[in-house]
Amino acid sequence: MRLYTYLATEFVTYNEIYHSIQPISGIIQTLHTLKYFYWIVDPSHQSKTSDENRPTQEQIIEMRRYMLLYMKQLVISSPGTQEEELQTILNYLHTVPEV
């Protein structure tokens, strides 16, 4: 939780470091984490964590909020086109059931 809070809020203020990150790799890693570790709808065939080690649903929702804010910051701050980043996000939305 602290990591994604930091990435979404304070990390963006460090321009030298923040602008050296390739947005596409940050987005891919964040989406992978959402899909396999911080899911809301149980994808029982994909889960890599047991229910006993998982945070509460409220904690997961709050963590996902910061993860999505971090990804938004990556897309907004990237120079040039954001086509790859947006395509990656759309692919995630179309393939991961979260109903």
Protein backbone atom coordinates (compact mmCIF):
# COMPACT_ATOMS: atom_id res chain seq x y z
CA MET A 1 0.00 0.00 0.00
CA ARG A 2 2.75 2.43 0.94
CA LEU A 3 4.65 1.73 -2.28
CA TYR A 4 1.74 2.54 -4.58
CA THR A 5 0.72 5.55 -2.50
CA TYR A 6 4.26 6.85 -2.90
CA LEU A 7 4.41 6.08 -6.63
CA ALA A 8 1.08 7.76 -7.32
CA THR A 9 1.64 10.89 -5.25
CA GLU A 10 5.22 11.74 -4.27
CA PHE A 11 7.26 9.95 -6.93
CA VAL A 12 5.90 12.20 -9.68
CA THR A 13 7.59 15.21 -8.08
CA TYR A 14 11.09 13.78 -8.72
CA ASN A 15 11.40 14.75 -12.38
CA GLU A 16 14.89 13.37 -13.01
CA ILE A 17 13.96 9.88 -11.88
CA TYR A 18 10.32 9.90 -12.93
CA HIS A 19 11.01 10.85 -16.54
CA SER A 20 13.65 8.15 -16.93
CA ILE A 21 11.04 5.40 -16.46
CA GLN A 22 9.61 3.81 -19.56
CA PRO A 23 5.85 4.12 -19.06
CA ILE A 24 5.01 0.92 -20.91
CA SER A 25 7.06 -1.28 -18.60
CA GLY A 26 5.59 0.37 -15.49
CA ILE A 27 2.07 -0.13 -16.83
CA ILE A 28 2.65 -3.76 -17.79
CA GLN A 29 4.09 -4.58 -14.34
CA THR A 30 1.24 -2.79 -12.57
CA LEU A 31 -1.43 -4.56 -14.64
CA HIS A 32 0.27 -7.91 -13.98
CA THR A 33 0.16 -7.18 -10.25
CA LEU A 34 -3.54 -6.22 -10.46
CA LYS A 35 -4.39 -9.37 -12.39
CA TYR A 36 -2.53 -11.95 -10.33
CA PHE A 37 -2.34 -10.53 -6.82
CA TYR A 38 -4.92 -7.80 -6.20
CA TRP A 39 -7.96 -9.15 -8.00
CA ILE A 40 -11.44 -8.46 -6.69
CA VAL A 41 -13.32 -11.19 -8.57
CA ASP A 42 -11.65 -14.51 -7.76
CA PRO A 43 -9.95 -15.91 -10.86
CA SER A 44 -9.35 -19.20 -9.01
CA HIS A 45 -7.33 -20.67 -11.85
CA GLN A 46 -4.94 -17.68 -11.83
CA SER A 47 -4.53 -16.91 -8.15
CA LYS A 48 -0.96 -17.04 -6.84
CA THR A 49 -1.90 -16.08 -3.29
CA SER A 50 -4.09 -17.84 -0.79
CA ASP A 51 -7.12 -16.14 0.73
CA GLU A 52 -5.58 -16.21 4.19
CA ASN A 53 -2.67 -14.00 3.05
CA ARG A 54 -4.81 -11.49 1.18
CA PRO A 55 -5.69 -8.02 2.43
CA THR A 56 -9.34 -7.21 2.97
CA GLN A 57 -11.46 -6.23 -0.03
CA GLU A 58 -11.50 -2.59 1.17
CA GLN A 59 -7.69 -2.57 1.36
CA ILE A 60 -7.43 -4.08 -2.11
CA ILE A 61 -9.79 -1.48 -3.53
CA GLU A 62 -7.77 1.33 -1.98
CA MET A 63 -4.50 -0.17 -3.24
CA ARG A 64 -5.93 -0.57 -6.74
CA ARG A 65 -7.00 3.07 -6.63
CA TYR A 66 -3.40 4.16 -6.10
CA MET A 67 -2.11 1.70 -8.69
CA LEU A 68 -4.49 3.12 -11.29
CA LEU A 69 -3.51 6.68 -10.33
CA TYR A 70 0.14 5.72 -10.80
CA MET A 71 -0.62 4.32 -14.26
CA LYS A 72 -2.53 7.49 -15.14
CA GLN A 73 0.50 9.57 -14.16
CA LEU A 74 2.72 7.37 -16.35
CA VAL A 75 0.46 7.84 -19.37
CA ILE A 76 0.03 11.58 -18.89
CA SER A 77 3.71 12.29 -18.34
CA SER A 78 5.09 10.18 -21.18
CA PRO A 79 6.48 12.21 -24.06
CA GLY A 80 5.14 11.51 -27.53
CA THR A 81 2.41 9.02 -28.27
CA GLN A 82 0.78 6.92 -25.62
CA GLU A 83 -0.55 4.35 -28.07
CA GLU A 84 1.29 1.36 -26.56
CA GLU A 85 0.29 2.30 -23.02
CA LEU A 86 -3.37 2.76 -23.91
CA GLN A 87 -3.42 -0.47 -25.96
CA THR A 88 -2.00 -2.38 -22.99
CA ILE A 89 -4.64 -0.96 -20.65
CA LEU A 90 -7.44 -1.73 -23.13
CA ASN A 91 -6.17 -5.30 -23.55
CA TYR A 92 -6.28 -5.75 -19.78
CA LEU A 93 -9.82 -4.37 -19.58
CA HIS A 94 -11.02 -6.68 -22.37
CA THR A 95 -9.42 -9.85 -21.07
CA VAL A 96 -9.79 -9.69 -17.27
CA PRO A 97 -13.34 -10.28 -15.97
CA GLU A 98 -14.04 -7.95 -13.06
CA VAL A 99 -17.83 -7.98 -12.99
